[in-house]
Amino acid sequence: MAVKDAWVLRLKEESKEIEMIGDHYFRDDDECDFVTDDLQEATIYYDKDYTIEGLKKYESIMIRNYGKDAIVNFGYTNMMENFEFVEVTVGEQGDSSI
């Protein structure tokens, strides 16, 4: 089985709500309010640097278009305030583990 290194975004301890126990991961899906406790459902990023640049560009565009008080939930500043990158290994069938 071919494996590949990748990344997921894990919610930082200080960003969890009181009832959250264990690890929670970012999931770019409208069905789950953007957080899951199932690593298999987490959004996988194969290029961390590319992802960071995308978050920064999104933030820059939102601020340029809507001003410095724009809500930029998926911008670099907010995401890195609340999440951290965790390296995972992804198998051919999408199996991943820390």
N, C-alpha and C. Protein backbone atom coordinates (compact mmCIF):
# COMPACT_ATOMS: atom_id res chain seq x y z
N MET A 1 0.84 -1.18 0.00
CA MET A 1 0.00 0.00 0.00
C MET A 1 0.89 1.24 0.00
N ALA A 2 0.64 2.16 -0.92
CA ALA A 2 1.38 3.41 -0.96
C ALA A 2 0.87 4.35 0.12
N VAL A 3 1.78 5.00 0.80
CA VAL A 3 1.40 5.97 1.83
C VAL A 3 1.98 7.33 1.47
N LYS A 4 1.36 8.35 1.98
CA LYS A 4 1.75 9.71 1.67
C LYS A 4 1.61 10.56 2.93
N ASP A 5 2.58 11.44 3.15
CA ASP A 5 2.46 12.36 4.27
C ASP A 5 1.49 13.47 3.91
N ALA A 6 0.74 13.92 4.88
CA ALA A 6 -0.24 14.98 4.67
C ALA A 6 -0.45 15.70 6.00
N TRP A 7 -1.40 16.60 6.02
CA TRP A 7 -1.68 17.39 7.22
C TRP A 7 -3.18 17.50 7.43
N VAL A 8 -3.57 17.63 8.69
CA VAL A 8 -4.94 18.00 9.05
C VAL A 8 -4.82 19.14 10.05
N LEU A 9 -5.92 19.85 10.24
CA LEU A 9 -5.95 20.92 11.23
C LEU A 9 -6.68 20.42 12.46
N ARG A 10 -5.99 20.44 13.61
CA ARG A 10 -6.58 20.00 14.88
C ARG A 10 -6.93 21.23 15.71
N LEU A 11 -8.12 21.22 16.28
CA LEU A 11 -8.57 22.31 17.13
C LEU A 11 -7.69 22.39 18.37
N LYS A 12 -7.21 23.58 18.69
CA LYS A 12 -6.37 23.77 19.88
C LYS A 12 -7.22 23.62 21.14
N GLU A 13 -6.58 23.16 22.20
CA GLU A 13 -7.28 22.96 23.48
C GLU A 13 -8.03 24.21 23.92
N GLU A 14 -7.39 25.37 23.82
CA GLU A 14 -8.01 26.61 24.29
C GLU A 14 -9.17 27.06 23.42
N SER A 15 -9.35 26.46 22.26
CA SER A 15 -10.45 26.83 21.37
C SER A 15 -11.65 25.89 21.50
N LYS A 16 -11.50 24.84 22.28
CA LYS A 16 -12.60 23.88 22.43
C LYS A 16 -13.69 24.43 23.34
N GLU A 17 -14.91 24.01 23.07
CA GLU A 17 -16.02 24.33 23.96
C GLU A 17 -15.97 23.38 25.15
N ILE A 18 -16.62 23.72 26.20
CA ILE A 18 -16.53 22.98 27.46
C ILE A 18 -16.80 21.49 27.31
N GLU A 19 -17.81 21.11 26.52
CA GLU A 19 -18.18 19.70 26.42
C GLU A 19 -17.28 18.89 25.48
N MET A 20 -16.35 19.54 24.80
CA MET A 20 -15.48 18.83 23.86
C MET A 20 -14.39 18.07 24.59
N ILE A 21 -14.37 16.76 24.38
CA ILE A 21 -13.35 15.90 24.96
C ILE A 21 -12.61 15.21 23.83
N GLY A 22 -11.30 15.11 23.92
CA GLY A 22 -10.52 14.46 22.87
C GLY A 22 -10.19 15.42 21.75
N ASP A 23 -9.60 14.88 20.70
CA ASP A 23 -9.18 15.70 19.57
C ASP A 23 -10.34 15.99 18.63
N HIS A 24 -10.35 17.19 18.08
CA HIS A 24 -11.33 17.59 17.08
C HIS A 24 -10.57 18.21 15.92
N TYR A 25 -11.05 17.96 14.71
CA TYR A 25 -10.34 18.34 13.50
C TYR A 25 -11.23 19.19 12.60
N PHE A 26 -10.58 20.02 11.77
CA PHE A 26 -11.31 20.82 10.81
C PHE A 26 -11.86 19.93 9.71
N ARG A 27 -13.10 20.17 9.34
CA ARG A 27 -13.75 19.44 8.25
C ARG A 27 -14.47 20.46 7.38
N ASP A 28 -14.01 20.63 6.17
CA ASP A 28 -14.57 21.60 5.24
C ASP A 28 -15.81 21.00 4.59
N ASP A 29 -16.88 20.95 5.37
CA ASP A 29 -18.11 20.31 4.91
C ASP A 29 -19.29 20.98 5.60
N ASP A 30 -20.29 21.35 4.85
CA ASP A 30 -21.46 22.04 5.40
C ASP A 30 -22.26 21.18 6.37
N GLU A 31 -22.08 19.87 6.36
CA GLU A 31 -22.90 18.98 7.16
C GLU A 31 -22.54 18.99 8.65
N CYS A 32 -21.33 19.45 9.02
CA CYS A 32 -20.91 19.21 10.40
C CYS A 32 -20.40 20.43 11.15
N ASP A 33 -20.73 21.62 10.72
CA ASP A 33 -20.30 22.83 11.42
C ASP A 33 -18.78 22.95 11.49
N PHE A 34 -18.08 22.38 10.54
CA PHE A 34 -16.65 22.55 10.32
C PHE A 34 -15.73 21.87 11.32
N VAL A 35 -16.23 21.07 12.23
CA VAL A 35 -15.38 20.36 13.18
C VAL A 35 -15.88 18.92 13.32
N THR A 36 -14.94 17.98 13.39
CA THR A 36 -15.29 16.58 13.60
C THR A 36 -14.32 15.96 14.61
N ASP A 37 -14.80 14.98 15.35
CA ASP A 37 -13.90 14.26 16.26
C ASP A 37 -13.41 12.97 15.62
N ASP A 38 -13.76 12.75 14.35
CA ASP A 38 -13.34 11.57 13.61
C ASP A 38 -12.23 11.94 12.63
N LEU A 39 -11.02 11.49 12.88
CA LEU A 39 -9.88 11.81 12.03
C LEU A 39 -10.13 11.42 10.58
N GLN A 40 -10.89 10.36 10.36
CA GLN A 40 -11.18 9.90 9.00
C GLN A 40 -12.03 10.90 8.22
N GLU A 41 -12.73 11.79 8.91
CA GLU A 41 -13.58 12.78 8.26
C GLU A 41 -12.90 14.14 8.12
N ALA A 42 -11.71 14.29 8.67
CA ALA A 42 -11.00 15.57 8.63
C ALA A 42 -10.59 15.92 7.20
N THR A 43 -10.53 17.21 6.93
CA THR A 43 -10.03 17.67 5.63
C THR A 43 -8.52 17.43 5.59
N ILE A 44 -8.05 16.79 4.53
CA ILE A 44 -6.64 16.44 4.40
C ILE A 44 -5.97 17.43 3.46
N TYR A 45 -4.83 17.94 3.89
CA TYR A 45 -4.04 18.87 3.08
C TYR A 45 -2.73 18.18 2.74
N TYR A 46 -2.44 18.07 1.46
CA TYR A 46 -1.22 17.39 1.02
C TYR A 46 -0.03 18.34 0.91
N ASP A 47 -0.30 19.65 0.89
CA ASP A 47 0.76 20.64 0.80
C ASP A 47 0.50 21.74 1.83
N LYS A 48 1.17 21.65 2.96
CA LYS A 48 0.96 22.58 4.07
C LYS A 48 1.25 24.03 3.65
N ASP A 49 2.37 24.25 2.97
CA ASP A 49 2.73 25.61 2.57
C ASP A 49 1.72 26.21 1.61
N TYR A 50 1.22 25.42 0.68
CA TYR A 50 0.21 25.88 -0.27
C TYR A 50 -1.08 26.25 0.48
N THR A 51 -1.44 25.44 1.46
CA THR A 51 -2.64 25.70 2.26
C THR A 51 -2.50 27.00 3.04
N ILE A 52 -1.34 27.21 3.65
CA ILE A 52 -1.10 28.44 4.41
C ILE A 52 -1.20 29.66 3.49
N GLU A 53 -0.59 29.57 2.32
CA GLU A 53 -0.66 30.68 1.37
C GLU A 53 -2.10 30.96 0.96
N GLY A 54 -2.89 29.90 0.78
CA GLY A 54 -4.30 30.07 0.42
C GLY A 54 -5.08 30.76 1.53
N LEU A 55 -4.82 30.40 2.78
CA LEU A 55 -5.49 31.04 3.91
C LEU A 55 -5.12 32.52 3.98
N LYS A 56 -3.85 32.82 3.74
CA LYS A 56 -3.39 34.21 3.76
C LYS A 56 -4.01 35.02 2.62
N LYS A 57 -4.08 34.44 1.44
CA LYS A 57 -4.67 35.14 0.29
C LYS A 57 -6.16 35.40 0.52
N TYR A 58 -6.86 34.41 1.04
CA TYR A 58 -8.29 34.57 1.33
C TYR A 58 -8.49 35.73 2.31
N GLU A 59 -7.69 35.74 3.37
CA GLU A 59 -7.80 36.80 4.37
C GLU A 59 -7.53 38.17 3.74
N SER A 60 -6.51 38.26 2.93
CA SER A 60 -6.14 39.51 2.28
C SER A 60 -7.26 40.01 1.36
N ILE A 61 -7.85 39.11 0.60
CA ILE A 61 -8.93 39.48 -0.31
C ILE A 61 -10.14 39.98 0.47
N MET A 62 -10.50 39.28 1.53
CA MET A 62 -11.66 39.68 2.34
C MET A 62 -11.45 41.06 2.96
N ILE A 63 -10.26 41.31 3.48
CA ILE A 63 -9.98 42.61 4.09
C ILE A 63 -9.96 43.70 3.03
N ARG A 64 -9.37 43.41 1.89
CA ARG A 64 -9.34 44.40 0.80
C ARG A 64 -10.75 44.74 0.32
N ASN A 65 -11.61 43.73 0.21
CA ASN A 65 -12.96 43.95 -0.30
C ASN A 65 -13.94 44.50 0.72
N TYR A 66 -13.76 44.13 2.00
CA TYR A 66 -14.76 44.48 3.01
C TYR A 66 -14.21 45.29 4.19
N GLY A 67 -12.94 45.63 4.16
CA GLY A 67 -12.37 46.47 5.21
C GLY A 67 -11.74 45.67 6.33
N LYS A 68 -11.02 46.38 7.19
CA LYS A 68 -10.26 45.72 8.26
C LYS A 68 -11.13 45.03 9.30
N ASP A 69 -12.41 45.37 9.36
CA ASP A 69 -13.32 44.73 10.31
C ASP A 69 -14.10 43.57 9.70
N ALA A 70 -13.69 43.13 8.52
CA ALA A 70 -14.38 42.02 7.84
C ALA A 70 -14.31 40.74 8.68
N ILE A 71 -15.33 39.93 8.61
CA ILE A 71 -15.33 38.63 9.27
C ILE A 71 -14.56 37.67 8.37
N VAL A 72 -13.45 37.16 8.88
CA VAL A 72 -12.56 36.34 8.07
C VAL A 72 -12.35 35.00 8.79
N ASN A 73 -13.43 34.25 8.96
CA ASN A 73 -13.37 32.99 9.70
C ASN A 73 -12.35 32.01 9.14
N PHE A 74 -12.20 31.96 7.82
CA PHE A 74 -11.31 30.98 7.21
C PHE A 74 -10.01 31.61 6.72
N GLY A 75 -9.67 32.76 7.29
CA GLY A 75 -8.40 33.40 6.99
C GLY A 75 -7.30 32.83 7.87
N TYR A 76 -6.08 33.13 7.51
CA TYR A 76 -4.90 32.60 8.21
C TYR A 76 -4.91 32.94 9.71
N THR A 77 -5.16 34.20 10.04
CA THR A 77 -5.09 34.63 11.44
C THR A 77 -6.06 33.85 12.31
N ASN A 78 -7.32 33.78 11.90
CA ASN A 78 -8.32 33.08 12.70
C ASN A 78 -8.06 31.57 12.76
N MET A 79 -7.73 30.98 11.62
CA MET A 79 -7.49 29.53 11.60
C MET A 79 -6.30 29.14 12.48
N MET A 80 -5.22 29.90 12.41
CA MET A 80 -4.03 29.56 13.19
C MET A 80 -4.19 29.91 14.67
N GLU A 81 -5.14 30.79 14.96
CA GLU A 81 -5.46 31.10 16.35
C GLU A 81 -6.20 29.93 17.00
N ASN A 82 -6.98 29.21 16.19
CA ASN A 82 -7.84 28.16 16.72
C ASN A 82 -7.42 26.73 16.37
N PHE A 83 -6.62 26.56 15.35
CA PHE A 83 -6.21 25.24 14.89
C PHE A 83 -4.69 25.15 14.79
N GLU A 84 -4.19 23.92 14.78
CA GLU A 84 -2.77 23.67 14.54
C GLU A 84 -2.65 22.54 13.54
N PHE A 85 -1.61 22.60 12.72
CA PHE A 85 -1.37 21.55 11.74
C PHE A 85 -0.79 20.32 12.44
N VAL A 86 -1.32 19.16 12.09
CA VAL A 86 -0.83 17.88 12.62
C VAL A 86 -0.53 17.00 11.41
N GLU A 87 0.68 16.44 11.38
CA GLU A 87 1.06 15.58 10.27
C GLU A 87 0.39 14.22 10.40
N VAL A 88 -0.12 13.72 9.28
CA VAL A 88 -0.75 12.40 9.23
C VAL A 88 -0.17 11.64 8.05
N THR A 89 -0.37 10.35 8.05
CA THR A 89 0.01 9.50 6.92
C THR A 89 -1.28 8.99 6.30
N VAL A 90 -1.39 9.14 4.99
CA VAL A 90 -2.60 8.75 4.29
C VAL A 90 -2.28 7.57 3.38
N GLY A 91 -3.08 6.50 3.49
CA GLY A 91 -2.90 5.34 2.64
C GLY A 91 -3.65 5.48 1.34
N GLU A 92 -3.50 4.53 0.46
CA GLU A 92 -4.15 4.55 -0.84
C GLU A 92 -5.65 4.73 -0.77
N GLN A 93 -6.27 4.12 0.18
CA GLN A 93 -7.73 4.17 0.29
C GLN A 93 -8.19 5.30 1.19
N GLY A 94 -7.29 6.23 1.54
CA GLY A 94 -7.69 7.37 2.35
C GLY A 94 -7.57 7.11 3.84
N ASP A 95 -7.03 5.93 4.24
CA ASP A 95 -6.84 5.67 5.66
C ASP A 95 -5.79 6.64 6.18
N SER A 96 -6.04 7.24 7.33
CA SER A 96 -5.06 8.17 7.89
C SER A 96 -4.87 7.92 9.37
N SER A 97 -3.71 8.26 9.85
CA SER A 97 -3.41 8.12 11.27
C SER A 97 -2.36 9.13 11.66
N ILE A 98 -2.31 9.44 12.95
CA ILE A 98 -1.31 10.39 13.45
C ILE A 98 -0.03 9.64 13.74
